[in-house]
Amino acid sequence: LSYIDIILGRPLYMDCPTTNRQALAYARICVDMSSSSTFPNTILLDLGEGGTTVVGVEYPWNPQACSLCKVFDHANKSCPKAVRREWLPKPVVEACQKPEDAEG
């Protein structure tokens, strides 16, 4: 499990069945992940001596992450640090008629 944790982020804790090795079909671990990290559905695990296996990963909660301020609180479009561009209409300039010369 430590190899899986290292790939995803910093391991925090495991649930009781995983810690006690009671549910060997799956493991539930809590991992502190960065907001810029990806959430892979599978992990290729190196077993040593040339052996590898693919481990499936499920996330009970996949929060929105803001790439602008690097937090799991909101999406980019609702970020308070995002630069907002607002359309402002150009002022209407009235055209003035040029006075005609005396010559015509």
Protein backbone atom coordinates (compact mmCIF):
# COMPACT_ATOMS: atom_id res chain seq x y z
CA LEU A 1 0.00 0.00 0.00
CA SER A 2 2.84 2.40 0.64
CA TYR A 3 3.83 2.33 -3.04
CA ILE A 4 0.28 3.24 -4.06
CA ASP A 5 0.15 6.04 -1.52
CA ILE A 6 3.43 7.52 -2.72
CA ILE A 7 2.17 7.67 -6.30
CA LEU A 8 -1.06 9.45 -5.33
CA GLY A 9 0.13 11.67 -2.48
CA ARG A 10 0.92 11.65 1.23
CA PRO A 11 -0.71 8.73 3.10
CA LEU A 12 -2.78 9.74 6.14
CA TYR A 13 -4.47 6.57 7.43
CA MET A 14 -6.15 3.27 6.52
CA ASP A 15 -9.57 2.03 7.57
CA CYS A 16 -9.79 -0.73 10.22
CA PRO A 17 -10.36 -3.73 7.88
CA THR A 18 -7.36 -2.68 5.79
CA THR A 19 -5.17 -2.13 8.86
CA ASN A 20 -6.21 -5.49 10.35
CA ARG A 21 -5.91 -7.21 6.94
CA GLN A 22 -9.49 -8.45 7.10
CA ALA A 23 -10.71 -7.28 3.68
CA LEU A 24 -8.01 -8.43 1.30
CA ALA A 25 -10.06 -7.96 -1.87
CA TYR A 26 -9.68 -4.19 -1.58
CA ALA A 27 -7.97 -1.59 0.58
CA ARG A 28 -9.30 1.77 1.74
CA ILE A 29 -6.68 4.38 2.40
CA CYS A 30 -6.88 8.12 2.93
CA VAL A 31 -4.30 10.07 0.94
CA ASP A 32 -3.58 13.80 1.06
CA MET A 33 -3.39 14.81 -2.60
CA SER A 34 -2.32 18.07 -4.19
CA SER A 35 -4.92 20.09 -6.09
CA SER A 36 -2.67 19.96 -9.14
CA SER A 37 -2.36 16.16 -9.08
CA THR A 38 -4.23 13.88 -11.43
CA PHE A 39 -6.75 11.28 -10.29
CA PRO A 40 -5.70 8.13 -12.17
CA ASN A 41 -8.16 5.23 -12.43
CA THR A 42 -5.33 2.69 -12.55
CA ILE A 43 -1.78 2.51 -11.28
CA LEU A 44 0.97 0.35 -12.75
CA LEU A 45 2.73 -1.22 -9.79
CA ASP A 46 6.26 -2.63 -10.08
CA LEU A 47 6.49 -5.91 -8.16
CA GLY A 48 10.23 -6.29 -8.65
CA GLU A 49 12.14 -8.86 -10.69
CA GLY A 50 10.42 -7.63 -13.85
CA GLY A 51 6.88 -8.21 -12.60
CA THR A 52 4.18 -5.57 -12.78
CA THR A 53 0.48 -5.43 -12.02
CA VAL A 54 -2.28 -2.93 -12.65
CA VAL A 55 -4.19 -1.76 -9.58
CA GLY A 56 -7.59 -0.09 -9.96
CA VAL A 57 -8.21 3.10 -7.98
CA GLU A 58 -11.59 4.52 -6.97
CA TYR A 59 -12.29 7.88 -5.35
CA PRO A 60 -15.34 8.26 -3.10
CA TRP A 61 -15.07 12.02 -3.55
CA ASN A 62 -13.47 13.89 -6.44
CA PRO A 63 -13.66 17.59 -5.55
CA GLN A 64 -13.36 20.52 -7.90
CA ALA A 65 -9.88 21.96 -7.91
CA CYS A 66 -8.85 25.48 -8.83
CA SER A 67 -5.67 25.59 -10.87
CA LEU A 68 -5.32 29.35 -10.28
CA CYS A 69 -4.99 29.38 -6.48
CA LYS A 70 -4.27 25.63 -6.01
CA VAL A 71 -7.08 24.69 -3.59
CA PHE A 72 -9.92 22.14 -3.51
CA ASP A 73 -12.59 24.70 -2.73
CA HIS A 74 -13.90 25.95 -6.05
CA ALA A 75 -13.49 25.70 -9.79
CA ASN A 76 -11.47 28.12 -11.91
CA LYS A 77 -14.52 30.03 -13.12
CA SER A 78 -15.58 30.94 -9.57
CA CYS A 79 -12.08 31.76 -8.29
CA PRO A 80 -11.84 35.07 -6.43
CA LYS A 81 -8.30 35.53 -7.80
CA ALA A 82 -9.38 35.15 -11.42
CA VAL A 83 -9.06 38.22 -13.58
CA ARG A 84 -12.53 39.24 -14.68
CA ARG A 85 -12.90 40.94 -18.01
CA GLU A 86 -16.01 42.98 -18.42
CA TRP A 87 -17.29 44.31 -21.70
CA LEU A 88 -17.76 48.04 -21.65
CA PRO A 89 -19.48 49.72 -24.58
CA LYS A 90 -17.52 52.42 -26.32
CA PRO A 91 -18.90 55.90 -25.79
CA VAL A 92 -20.99 57.18 -28.65
CA VAL A 93 -19.34 60.13 -30.34
CA GLU A 94 -21.69 62.43 -32.17
CA ALA A 95 -20.51 63.44 -35.59
CA CYS A 96 -20.33 67.15 -36.23
CA GLN A 97 -20.78 68.61 -39.65
CA LYS A 98 -17.78 70.50 -40.87
CA PRO A 99 -18.67 74.06 -41.77
CA GLU A 100 -18.34 74.70 -45.45
CA ASP A 101 -15.74 77.11 -46.69
CA ALA A 102 -16.86 80.39 -48.15
CA GLU A 103 -15.43 79.26 -51.45
CA GLY A 104 -17.88 76.47 -51.63
